[in-house]
Amino acid sequence: MHIEHIELRKNLRISINMDISYSAPNPAGQARKGTLLDVSNHGAGLILDEPLGLNQTLRLEGYDDWDRPRDARVRWVRKANEHYRVGVEFIDDER
């Protein structure tokens, strides 16, 4: 039996490999380091050293071409060797 991978994303993601920091979106949140793997207008894929909870909110800050901090909500988490692959959805600034 052959199973084919079907892309279910609605938005095109751009592959990128950029260091980021992330924290809870309040001033008391301690920043941690991670890697941004891909990004779209609505979300991103990350590699982190720790698992996060579904629907947890984060403040993401990048370097270089990242224009501003972004708030995001965790949509899925998968173990990937010694790290965790995390999918986040950006939270609209107007909410």
PDB file of N, CA and C in Angstrom:
ATOM      1  N   MET A   1       0.834  -1.175   0.000  1.00  0.00           N
ATOM      2  CA  MET A   1       0.000   0.000   0.000  1.00  0.00           C
ATOM      3  C   MET A   1       0.880   1.240   0.000  1.00  0.00           C
ATOM      4  N   HIS A   2       0.599   2.195  -0.857  1.00  0.00           N
ATOM      5  CA  HIS A   2       1.362   3.439  -0.975  1.00  0.00           C
ATOM      6  C   HIS A   2       0.550   4.583  -0.378  1.00  0.00           C
ATOM      7  N   ILE A   3       1.155   5.299   0.580  1.00  0.00           N
ATOM      8  CA  ILE A   3       0.492   6.450   1.187  1.00  0.00           C
ATOM      9  C   ILE A   3       1.227   7.702   0.742  1.00  0.00           C
ATOM     10  N   GLU A   4       0.501   8.633   0.212  1.00  0.00           N
ATOM     11  CA  GLU A   4       1.084   9.860  -0.312  1.00  0.00           C
ATOM     12  C   GLU A   4       0.853  10.994   0.677  1.00  0.00           C
ATOM     13  N   HIS A   5       1.896  11.816   0.880  1.00  0.00           N
ATOM     14  CA  HIS A   5       1.765  12.990   1.747  1.00  0.00           C
ATOM     15  C   HIS A   5       0.964  14.056   1.005  1.00  0.00           C
ATOM     16  N   ILE A   6      -0.060  14.577   1.654  1.00  0.00           N
ATOM     17  CA  ILE A   6      -0.880  15.625   1.057  1.00  0.00           C
ATOM     18  C   ILE A   6      -0.691  16.890   1.880  1.00  0.00           C
ATOM     19  N   GLU A   7      -0.339  17.966   1.236  1.00  0.00           N
ATOM     20  CA  GLU A   7      -0.145  19.251   1.901  1.00  0.00           C
ATOM     21  C   GLU A   7      -1.496  19.853   2.239  1.00  0.00           C
ATOM     22  N   LEU A   8      -1.753  20.064   3.538  1.00  0.00           N
ATOM     23  CA  LEU A   8      -3.043  20.571   3.972  1.00  0.00           C
ATOM     24  C   LEU A   8      -3.014  22.059   4.331  1.00  0.00           C
ATOM     25  N   ARG A   9      -1.871  22.677   4.278  1.00  0.00           N
ATOM     26  CA  ARG A   9      -1.791  24.093   4.618  1.00  0.00           C
ATOM     27  C   ARG A   9      -2.522  24.937   3.599  1.00  0.00           C
ATOM     28  N   LYS A  10      -3.160  25.985   4.087  1.00  0.00           N
ATOM     29  CA  LYS A  10      -3.865  26.912   3.210  1.00  0.00           C
ATOM     30  C   LYS A  10      -2.934  27.983   2.662  1.00  0.00           C
ATOM     31  N   ASN A  11      -1.825  28.240   3.371  1.00  0.00           N
ATOM     32  CA  ASN A  11      -0.924  29.324   3.007  1.00  0.00           C
ATOM     33  C   ASN A  11       0.469  28.796   2.692  1.00  0.00           C
ATOM     34  N   LEU A  12       1.093  29.370   1.696  1.00  0.00           N
ATOM     35  CA  LEU A  12       2.447  29.002   1.318  1.00  0.00           C
ATOM     36  C   LEU A  12       3.411  29.376   2.430  1.00  0.00           C
ATOM     37  N   ARG A  13       4.269  28.446   2.817  1.00  0.00           N
ATOM     38  CA  ARG A  13       5.293  28.733   3.820  1.00  0.00           C
ATOM     39  C   ARG A  13       6.637  28.854   3.133  1.00  0.00           C
ATOM     40  N   ILE A  14       7.436  29.776   3.629  1.00  0.00           N
ATOM     41  CA  ILE A  14       8.776  30.008   3.113  1.00  0.00           C
ATOM     42  C   ILE A  14       9.766  29.367   4.071  1.00  0.00           C
ATOM     43  N   SER A  15      10.643  28.509   3.543  1.00  0.00           N
ATOM     44  CA  SER A  15      11.669  27.880   4.372  1.00  0.00           C
ATOM     45  C   SER A  15      12.693  28.922   4.791  1.00  0.00           C
ATOM     46  N   ILE A  16      13.065  28.849   6.047  1.00  0.00           N
ATOM     47  CA  ILE A  16      14.026  29.803   6.605  1.00  0.00           C
ATOM     48  C   ILE A  16      14.707  29.076   7.751  1.00  0.00           C
ATOM     49  N   ASN A  17      15.881  29.455   8.091  1.00  0.00           N
ATOM     50  CA  ASN A  17      16.582  28.867   9.234  1.00  0.00           C
ATOM     51  C   ASN A  17      17.168  30.034  10.011  1.00  0.00           C
ATOM     52  N   MET A  18      16.400  30.517  11.013  1.00  0.00           N
ATOM     53  CA  MET A  18      16.789  31.731  11.717  1.00  0.00           C
ATOM     54  C   MET A  18      16.628  31.526  13.221  1.00  0.00           C
ATOM     55  N   ASP A  19      17.618  31.993  13.977  1.00  0.00           N
ATOM     56  CA  ASP A  19      17.518  31.955  15.428  1.00  0.00           C
ATOM     57  C   ASP A  19      16.434  32.923  15.885  1.00  0.00           C
ATOM     58  N   ILE A  20      15.661  32.495  16.880  1.00  0.00           N
ATOM     59  CA  ILE A  20      14.638  33.342  17.472  1.00  0.00           C
ATOM     60  C   ILE A  20      14.714  33.213  18.986  1.00  0.00           C
ATOM     61  N   SER A  21      14.021  34.100  19.671  1.00  0.00           N
ATOM     62  CA  SER A  21      13.785  33.918  21.096  1.00  0.00           C
ATOM     63  C   SER A  21      12.279  33.886  21.283  1.00  0.00           C
ATOM     64  N   TYR A  22      11.837  33.185  22.315  1.00  0.00           N
ATOM     65  CA  TYR A  22      10.402  33.092  22.572  1.00  0.00           C
ATOM     66  C   TYR A  22      10.163  33.151  24.071  1.00  0.00           C
ATOM     67  N   SER A  23       9.000  33.658  24.442  1.00  0.00           N
ATOM     68  CA  SER A  23       8.628  33.770  25.851  1.00  0.00           C
ATOM     69  C   SER A  23       7.119  33.883  25.943  1.00  0.00           C
ATOM     70  N   ALA A  24       6.606  33.777  27.170  1.00  0.00           N
ATOM     71  CA  ALA A  24       5.200  34.083  27.385  1.00  0.00           C
ATOM     72  C   ALA A  24       5.025  35.567  27.041  1.00  0.00           C
ATOM     73  N   PRO A  25       3.891  35.964  26.483  1.00  0.00           N
ATOM     74  CA  PRO A  25       3.759  37.338  25.987  1.00  0.00           C
ATOM     75  C   PRO A  25       3.530  38.387  27.079  1.00  0.00           C
ATOM     76  N   ASN A  26       3.956  38.094  28.296  1.00  0.00           N
ATOM     77  CA  ASN A  26       3.857  39.100  29.346  1.00  0.00           C
ATOM     78  C   ASN A  26       5.264  39.486  29.794  1.00  0.00           C
ATOM     79  N   PRO A  27       5.432  40.591  30.474  1.00  0.00           N
ATOM     80  CA  PRO A  27       6.778  41.051  30.853  1.00  0.00           C
ATOM     81  C   PRO A  27       7.549  40.079  31.732  1.00  0.00           C
ATOM     82  N   ALA A  28       6.858  39.201  32.468  1.00  0.00           N
ATOM     83  CA  ALA A  28       7.539  38.269  33.371  1.00  0.00           C
ATOM     84  C   ALA A  28       8.079  37.032  32.647  1.00  0.00           C
ATOM     85  N   GLY A  29       7.694  36.839  31.393  1.00  0.00           N
ATOM     86  CA  GLY A  29       8.130  35.651  30.661  1.00  0.00           C
ATOM     87  C   GLY A  29       9.627  35.666  30.396  1.00  0.00           C
ATOM     88  N   GLN A  30      10.313  34.569  30.735  1.00  0.00           N
ATOM     89  CA  GLN A  30      11.748  34.461  30.506  1.00  0.00           C
ATOM     90  C   GLN A  30      11.996  34.007  29.073  1.00  0.00           C
ATOM     91  N   ALA A  31      12.824  34.735  28.334  1.00  0.00           N
ATOM     92  CA  ALA A  31      13.111  34.402  26.935  1.00  0.00           C
ATOM     93  C   ALA A  31      13.984  33.154  26.846  1.00  0.00           C
ATOM     94  N   ARG A  32      13.660  32.310  25.860  1.00  0.00           N
ATOM     95  CA  ARG A  32      14.438  31.116  25.551  1.00  0.00           C
ATOM     96  C   ARG A  32      14.773  31.151  24.070  1.00  0.00           C
ATOM     97  N   LYS A  33      15.747  30.366  23.672  1.00  0.00           N
ATOM     98  CA  LYS A  33      16.194  30.335  22.275  1.00  0.00           C
ATOM     99  C   LYS A  33      15.537  29.189  21.516  1.00  0.00           C
ATOM    100  N   GLY A  34      15.298  29.406  20.218  1.00  0.00           N
ATOM    101  CA  GLY A  34      14.761  28.393  19.330  1.00  0.00           C
ATOM    102  C   GLY A  34      15.179  28.698  17.906  1.00  0.00           C
ATOM    103  N   THR A  35      14.681  27.906  16.964  1.00  0.00           N
ATOM    104  CA  THR A  35      14.980  28.101  15.545  1.00  0.00           C
ATOM    105  C   THR A  35      13.677  28.185  14.769  1.00  0.00           C
ATOM    106  N   LEU A  36      13.559  29.214  13.952  1.00  0.00           N
ATOM    107  CA  LEU A  36      12.431  29.371  13.041  1.00  0.00           C
ATOM    108  C   LEU A  36      12.768  28.606  11.772  1.00  0.00           C
ATOM    109  N   LEU A  37      11.946  27.606  11.412  1.00  0.00           N
ATOM    110  CA  LEU A  37      12.218  26.785  10.231  1.00  0.00           C
ATOM    111  C   LEU A  37      11.483  27.264   8.995  1.00  0.00           C
ATOM    112  N   ASP A  38      10.229  27.679   9.171  1.00  0.00           N
ATOM    113  CA  ASP A  38       9.448  28.173   8.040  1.00  0.00           C
ATOM    114  C   ASP A  38       8.417  29.164   8.551  1.00  0.00           C
ATOM    115  N   VAL A  39       7.945  30.001   7.642  1.00  0.00           N
ATOM    116  CA  VAL A  39       7.024  31.061   8.046  1.00  0.00           C
ATOM    117  C   VAL A  39       6.068  31.368   6.902  1.00  0.00           C
ATOM    118  N   SER A  40       4.836  31.748   7.265  1.00  0.00           N
ATOM    119  CA  SER A  40       3.854  32.234   6.299  1.00  0.00           C
ATOM    120  C   SER A  40       3.233  33.489   6.896  1.00  0.00           C
ATOM    121  N   ASN A  41       2.252  34.034   6.232  1.00  0.00           N
ATOM    122  CA  ASN A  41       1.561  35.199   6.775  1.00  0.00           C
ATOM    123  C   ASN A  41       0.782  34.862   8.037  1.00  0.00           C
ATOM    124  N   HIS A  42       0.434  33.581   8.214  1.00  0.00           N
ATOM    125  CA  HIS A  42      -0.451  33.199   9.313  1.00  0.00           C
ATOM    126  C   HIS A  42       0.187  32.331  10.386  1.00  0.00           C
ATOM    127  N   GLY A  43       1.390  31.816  10.160  1.00  0.00           N
ATOM    128  CA  GLY A  43       1.989  30.941  11.151  1.00  0.00           C
ATOM    129  C   GLY A  43       3.430  30.615  10.845  1.00  0.00           C
ATOM    130  N   ALA A  44       3.983  29.713  11.670  1.00  0.00           N
ATOM    131  CA  ALA A  44       5.395  29.363  11.523  1.00  0.00           C
ATOM    132  C   ALA A  44       5.654  27.985  12.098  1.00  0.00           C
ATOM    133  N   GLY A  45       6.778  27.406  11.702  1.00  0.00           N
ATOM    134  CA  GLY A  45       7.269  26.151  12.248  1.00  0.00           C
ATOM    135  C   GLY A  45       8.554  26.422  13.004  1.00  0.00           C
ATOM    136  N   LEU A  46       8.660  25.873  14.202  1.00  0.00           N
ATOM    137  CA  LEU A  46       9.803  26.110  15.075  1.00  0.00           C
ATOM    138  C   LEU A  46      10.448  24.802  15.499  1.00  0.00           C
ATOM    139  N   ILE A  47      11.709  24.865  15.885  1.00  0.00           N
ATOM    140  CA  ILE A  47      12.395  23.785  16.588  1.00  0.00           C
ATOM    141  C   ILE A  47      12.791  24.349  17.946  1.00  0.00           C
ATOM    142  N   LEU A  48      12.340  23.673  19.015  1.00  0.00           N
ATOM    143  CA  LEU A  48      12.606  24.120  20.373  1.00  0.00           C
ATOM    144  C   LEU A  48      13.185  22.978  21.197  1.00  0.00           C
ATOM    145  N   ASP A  49      13.807  23.317  22.319  1.00  0.00           N
ATOM    146  CA  ASP A  49      14.388  22.305  23.201  1.00  0.00           C
ATOM    147  C   ASP A  49      13.405  21.766  24.217  1.00  0.00           C
ATOM    148  N   GLU A  50      12.199  22.353  24.285  1.00  0.00           N
ATOM    149  CA  GLU A  50      11.219  21.925  25.277  1.00  0.00           C
ATOM    150  C   GLU A  50       9.841  21.787  24.633  1.00  0.00           C
ATOM    151  N   PRO A  51       9.012  20.900  25.171  1.00  0.00           N
ATOM    152  CA  PRO A  51       7.645  20.807  24.652  1.00  0.00           C
ATOM    153  C   PRO A  51       6.821  21.972  25.181  1.00  0.00           C
ATOM    154  N   LEU A  52       5.873  22.415  24.416  1.00  0.00           N
ATOM    155  CA  LEU A  52       4.955  23.471  24.827  1.00  0.00           C
ATOM    156  C   LEU A  52       3.543  22.913  24.826  1.00  0.00           C
ATOM    157  N   GLY A  53       2.645  23.545  25.552  1.00  0.00           N
ATOM    158  CA  GLY A  53       1.261  23.102  25.609  1.00  0.00           C
ATOM    159  C   GLY A  53       0.450  23.627  24.443  1.00  0.00           C
ATOM    160  N   LEU A  54      -0.505  22.826  23.990  1.00  0.00           N
ATOM    161  CA  LEU A  54      -1.399  23.279  22.927  1.00  0.00           C
ATOM    162  C   LEU A  54      -2.143  24.525  23.395  1.00  0.00           C
ATOM    163  N   ASN A  55      -2.317  25.460  22.489  1.00  0.00           N
ATOM    164  CA  ASN A  55      -2.982  26.741  22.719  1.00  0.00           C
ATOM    165  C   ASN A  55      -2.202  27.688  23.622  1.00  0.00           C
ATOM    166  N   GLN A  56      -0.999  27.314  24.031  1.00  0.00           N
ATOM    167  CA  GLN A  56      -0.153  28.230  24.803  1.00  0.00           C
ATOM    168  C   GLN A  56       0.196  29.415  23.917  1.00  0.00           C
ATOM    169  N   THR A  57       0.218  30.613  24.491  1.00  0.00           N
ATOM    170  CA  THR A  57       0.592  31.791  23.704  1.00  0.00           C
ATOM    171  C   THR A  57       2.051  32.138  23.954  1.00  0.00           C
ATOM    172  N   LEU A  58       2.690  32.629  22.908  1.00  0.00           N
ATOM    173  CA  LEU A  58       4.112  32.969  22.938  1.00  0.00           C
ATOM    174  C   LEU A  58       4.336  34.335  22.324  1.00  0.00           C
ATOM    175  N   ARG A  59       5.415  34.965  22.706  1.00  0.00           N
ATOM    176  CA  ARG A  59       5.920  36.150  22.019  1.00  0.00           C
ATOM    177  C   ARG A  59       7.185  35.703  21.303  1.00  0.00           C
ATOM    178  N   LEU A  60       7.216  35.817  19.980  1.00  0.00           N
ATOM    179  CA  LEU A  60       8.377  35.427  19.171  1.00  0.00           C
ATOM    180  C   LEU A  60       9.132  36.678  18.748  1.00  0.00           C
ATOM    181  N   GLU A  61      10.444  36.636  18.914  1.00  0.00           N
ATOM    182  CA  GLU A  61      11.292  37.739  18.460  1.00  0.00           C
ATOM    183  C   GLU A  61      12.433  37.154  17.659  1.00  0.00           C
ATOM    184  N   GLY A  62      12.669  37.726  16.487  1.00  0.00           N
ATOM    185  CA  GLY A  62      13.733  37.247  15.621  1.00  0.00           C
ATOM    186  C   GLY A  62      14.841  38.269  15.495  1.00  0.00           C
ATOM    187  N   TYR A  63      15.699  38.026  14.543  1.00  0.00           N
ATOM    188  CA  TYR A  63      16.846  38.874  14.317  1.00  0.00           C
ATOM    189  C   TYR A  63      16.924  39.161  12.826  1.00  0.00           C
ATOM    190  N   ASP A  64      17.720  40.124  12.448  1.00  0.00           N
ATOM    191  CA  ASP A  64      17.955  40.472  11.049  1.00  0.00           C
ATOM    192  C   ASP A  64      16.672  40.890  10.340  1.00  0.00           C
ATOM    193  N   ASP A  65      16.110  40.017   9.500  1.00  0.00           N
ATOM    194  CA  ASP A  65      14.977  40.377   8.649  1.00  0.00           C
ATOM    195  C   ASP A  65      13.618  40.328   9.351  1.00  0.00           C
ATOM    196  N   TRP A  66      13.561  39.828  10.573  1.00  0.00           N
ATOM    197  CA  TRP A  66      12.293  39.761  11.311  1.00  0.00           C
ATOM    198  C   TRP A  66      11.959  41.187  11.727  1.00  0.00           C
ATOM    199  N   ASP A  67      10.835  41.712  11.258  1.00  0.00           N
ATOM    200  CA  ASP A  67      10.570  43.141  11.408  1.00  0.00           C
ATOM    201  C   ASP A  67      10.049  43.562  12.776  1.00  0.00           C
ATOM    202  N   ARG A  68       9.382  42.650  13.507  1.00  0.00           N
ATOM    203  CA  ARG A  68       8.807  43.032  14.804  1.00  0.00           C
ATOM    204  C   ARG A  68       8.459  41.767  15.586  1.00  0.00           C
ATOM    205  N   PRO A  69       8.320  41.886  16.909  1.00  0.00           N
ATOM    206  CA  PRO A  69       7.875  40.715  17.682  1.00  0.00           C
ATOM    207  C   PRO A  69       6.468  40.301  17.238  1.00  0.00           C
ATOM    208  N   ARG A  70       6.190  39.006  17.320  1.00  0.00           N
ATOM    209  CA  ARG A  70       4.867  38.477  16.943  1.00  0.00           C
ATOM    210  C   ARG A  70       4.345  37.600  18.063  1.00  0.00           C
ATOM    211  N   ASP A  71       3.062  37.738  18.364  1.00  0.00           N
ATOM    212  CA  ASP A  71       2.408  36.831  19.302  1.00  0.00           C
ATOM    213  C   ASP A  71       1.850  35.659  18.504  1.00  0.00           C
ATOM    214  N   ALA A  72       1.929  34.475  19.086  1.00  0.00           N
ATOM    215  CA  ALA A  72       1.481  33.269  18.390  1.00  0.00           C
ATOM    216  C   ALA A  72       0.875  32.293  19.384  1.00  0.00           C
ATOM    217  N   ARG A  73       0.062  31.370  18.851  1.00  0.00           N
ATOM    218  CA  ARG A  73      -0.576  30.324  19.648  1.00  0.00           C
ATOM    219  C   ARG A  73      -0.083  28.968  19.139  1.00  0.00           C
ATOM    220  N   VAL A  74       0.302  28.095  20.060  1.00  0.00           N
ATOM    221  CA  VAL A  74       0.783  26.752  19.714  1.00  0.00           C
ATOM    222  C   VAL A  74      -0.386  25.927  19.185  1.00  0.00           C
ATOM    223  N   ARG A  75      -0.227  25.370  17.980  1.00  0.00           N
ATOM    224  CA  ARG A  75      -1.272  24.539  17.363  1.00  0.00           C
ATOM    225  C   ARG A  75      -0.939  23.056  17.381  1.00  0.00           C
ATOM    226  N   TRP A  76       0.344  22.703  17.337  1.00  0.00           N
ATOM    227  CA  TRP A  76       0.739  21.297  17.432  1.00  0.00           C
ATOM    228  C   TRP A  76       2.193  21.193  17.885  1.00  0.00           C
ATOM    229  N   VAL A  77       2.531  20.037  18.490  1.00  0.00           N
ATOM    230  CA  VAL A  77       3.881  19.774  18.984  1.00  0.00           C
ATOM    231  C   VAL A  77       4.216  18.321  18.677  1.00  0.00           C
ATOM    232  N   ARG A  78       5.408  18.081  18.142  1.00  0.00           N
ATOM    233  CA  ARG A  78       5.878  16.714  17.856  1.00  0.00           C
ATOM    234  C   ARG A  78       7.314  16.562  18.333  1.00  0.00           C
ATOM    235  N   LYS A  79       7.626  15.424  18.910  1.00  0.00           N
ATOM    236  CA  LYS A  79       9.002  15.118  19.314  1.00  0.00           C
ATOM    237  C   LYS A  79       9.823  14.891  18.064  1.00  0.00           C
ATOM    238  N   ALA A  80      11.015  15.481  18.000  1.00  0.00           N
ATOM    239  CA  ALA A  80      11.917  15.331  16.857  1.00  0.00           C
ATOM    240  C   ALA A  80      13.329  15.132  17.395  1.00  0.00           C
ATOM    241  N   ASN A  81      13.722  13.877  17.570  1.00  0.00           N
ATOM    242  CA  ASN A  81      15.003  13.519  18.191  1.00  0.00           C
ATOM    243  C   ASN A  81      15.070  14.126  19.585  1.00  0.00           C
ATOM    244  N   GLU A  82      16.090  14.944  19.863  1.00  0.00           N
ATOM    245  CA  GLU A  82      16.208  15.549  21.196  1.00  0.00           C
ATOM    246  C   GLU A  82      15.473  16.885  21.290  1.00  0.00           C
ATOM    247  N   HIS A  83      14.784  17.277  20.241  1.00  0.00           N
ATOM    248  CA  HIS A  83      14.104  18.570  20.198  1.00  0.00           C
ATOM    249  C   HIS A  83      12.604  18.373  19.966  1.00  0.00           C
ATOM    250  N   TYR A  84      11.906  19.490  19.823  1.00  0.00           N
ATOM    251  CA  TYR A  84      10.467  19.465  19.560  1.00  0.00           C
ATOM    252  C   TYR A  84      10.164  20.352  18.370  1.00  0.00           C
ATOM    253  N   ARG A  85       9.400  19.821  17.436  1.00  0.00           N
ATOM    254  CA  ARG A  85       8.917  20.568  16.266  1.00  0.00           C
ATOM    255  C   ARG A  85       7.570  21.136  16.675  1.00  0.00           C
ATOM    256  N   VAL A  86       7.413  22.449  16.554  1.00  0.00           N
ATOM    257  CA  VAL A  86       6.222  23.143  17.038  1.00  0.00           C
ATOM    258  C   VAL A  86       5.629  23.990  15.915  1.00  0.00           C
ATOM    259  N   GLY A  87       4.335  23.861  15.700  1.00  0.00           N
ATOM    260  CA  GLY A  87       3.623  24.691  14.733  1.00  0.00           C
ATOM    261  C   GLY A  87       2.825  25.745  15.479  1.00  0.00           C
ATOM    262  N   VAL A  88       2.980  26.998  15.071  1.00  0.00           N
ATOM    263  CA  VAL A  88       2.260  28.092  15.728  1.00  0.00           C
ATOM    264  C   VAL A  88       1.457  28.884  14.711  1.00  0.00           C
ATOM    265  N   GLU A  89       0.383  29.463  15.198  1.00  0.00           N
ATOM    266  CA  GLU A  89      -0.450  30.350  14.383  1.00  0.00           C
ATOM    267  C   GLU A  89      -0.310  31.747  14.967  1.00  0.00           C
ATOM    268  N   PHE A  90      -0.014  32.727  14.115  1.00  0.00           N
ATOM    269  CA  PHE A  90       0.110  34.091  14.591  1.00  0.00           C
ATOM    270  C   PHE A  90      -1.241  34.606  15.069  1.00  0.00           C
ATOM    271  N   ILE A  91      -1.199  35.358  16.149  1.00  0.00           N
ATOM    272  CA  ILE A  91      -2.408  35.975  16.704  1.00  0.00           C
ATOM    273  C   ILE A  91      -2.521  37.364  16.105  1.00  0.00           C
ATOM    274  N   ASP A  92      -3.656  37.625  15.497  1.00  0.00           N
ATOM    275  CA  ASP A  92      -3.889  38.908  14.858  1.00  0.00           C
ATOM    276  C   ASP A  92      -3.753  40.041  15.861  1.00  0.00           C
ATOM    277  N   ASP A  93      -2.997  41.075  15.498  1.00  0.00           N
ATOM    278  CA  ASP A  93      -2.763  42.222  16.380  1.00  0.00           C
ATOM    279  C   ASP A  93      -4.034  42.940  16.774  1.00  0.00           C
ATOM    280  N   GLU A  94      -5.111  42.786  16.012  1.00  0.00           N
ATOM    281  CA  GLU A  94      -6.324  43.543  16.252  1.00  0.00           C
ATOM    282  C   GLU A  94      -7.287  42.843  17.190  1.00  0.00           C
ATOM    283  N   ARG A  95      -6.945  41.650  17.666  1.00  0.00           N
ATOM    284  CA  ARG A  95      -7.853  40.947  18.584  1.00  0.00           C
ATOM    285  C   ARG A  95      -7.788  41.532  19.954  1.00  0.00           C
TER     286      ARG A  95
END
